Amino acid sequence: MGAPLTYFTAPPAWADAFELGGFRLLDVGELSTPLAAADTSGLAEAELEQVRYGRPSTVGELMFNWWD
């Protein structure tokens, strides 16, 4: 297992092409949002249990890091 991601960079200019497929890349500000400030009401109980176990501090950590 690799080290957790702790920083993010802005999407490259070509990432706008994903919007044609209906996707939107999150920017650095969104990924750096403290998890306490994020709306987690859409998560299932099992997902919330994983959040309590892994204790991610930001939205980006929640989305991109896995815990043993």
Protein backbone atom coordinates (compact mmCIF):
# COMPACT_ATOMS: atom_id res chain seq x y z
CA MET A 1 0.00 0.00 0.00
CA GLY A 2 1.27 3.48 -0.85
CA ALA A 3 1.38 6.56 1.31
CA PRO A 4 -1.86 8.52 1.73
CA LEU A 5 -2.43 11.47 -0.56
CA THR A 6 -2.10 14.67 1.41
CA TYR A 7 -2.06 17.29 -1.33
CA PHE A 8 -3.74 17.84 -4.66
CA THR A 9 -3.05 19.96 -7.73
CA ALA A 10 -5.36 21.79 -10.08
CA PRO A 11 -6.75 19.74 -12.97
CA PRO A 12 -4.89 20.26 -16.26
CA ALA A 13 -6.52 22.32 -19.02
CA TRP A 14 -7.40 19.19 -21.00
CA ALA A 15 -9.53 17.92 -18.09
CA ASP A 16 -12.39 20.09 -19.41
CA ALA A 17 -12.96 17.29 -21.93
CA PHE A 18 -14.44 15.19 -19.12
CA GLU A 19 -17.35 17.62 -18.95
CA LEU A 20 -18.45 16.41 -22.39
CA GLY A 21 -19.04 13.02 -20.77
CA GLY A 22 -20.96 14.53 -17.87
CA PHE A 23 -18.10 14.50 -15.36
CA ARG A 24 -16.69 17.35 -13.33
CA LEU A 25 -13.29 17.20 -11.71
CA LEU A 26 -13.05 18.54 -8.19
CA ASP A 27 -10.70 21.44 -7.71
CA VAL A 28 -8.07 21.77 -5.00
CA GLY A 29 -10.40 23.82 -2.79
CA GLU A 30 -13.12 21.18 -2.87
CA LEU A 31 -10.69 18.34 -2.17
CA SER A 32 -9.14 20.33 0.69
CA THR A 33 -12.50 21.02 2.35
CA PRO A 34 -12.47 19.79 5.94
CA LEU A 35 -14.61 16.69 6.20
CA ALA A 36 -16.41 18.22 9.18
CA ALA A 37 -17.72 20.92 6.81
CA ALA A 38 -18.87 18.45 4.14
CA ASP A 39 -22.38 17.02 3.82
CA THR A 40 -21.97 13.30 4.48
CA SER A 41 -25.70 12.62 4.84
CA GLY A 42 -25.73 10.64 1.58
CA LEU A 43 -23.28 8.05 2.89
CA ALA A 44 -24.54 4.65 3.94
CA GLU A 45 -23.99 3.45 7.52
CA ALA A 46 -21.21 1.10 6.38
CA GLU A 47 -19.47 4.03 4.69
CA LEU A 48 -19.84 6.18 7.78
CA GLU A 49 -18.31 3.36 9.82
CA GLN A 50 -15.31 3.40 7.50
CA VAL A 51 -15.05 7.18 7.94
CA ARG A 52 -15.02 6.74 11.71
CA TYR A 53 -12.35 4.05 11.38
CA GLY A 54 -10.08 5.88 8.92
CA ARG A 55 -10.67 9.38 10.31
CA PRO A 56 -9.96 11.32 7.08
CA SER A 57 -9.67 15.04 7.71
CA THR A 58 -10.58 16.33 4.24
CA VAL A 59 -12.90 15.40 1.39
CA GLY A 60 -9.86 14.44 -0.72
CA GLU A 61 -8.58 12.06 1.94
CA LEU A 62 -12.00 10.45 2.14
CA MET A 63 -12.23 9.98 -1.61
CA PHE A 64 -8.70 8.83 -2.44
CA ASN A 65 -7.18 7.11 0.59
CA TRP A 66 -7.87 3.59 1.77
CA TRP A 67 -7.34 2.32 5.29
CA ASP A 68 -6.46 -1.18 6.46
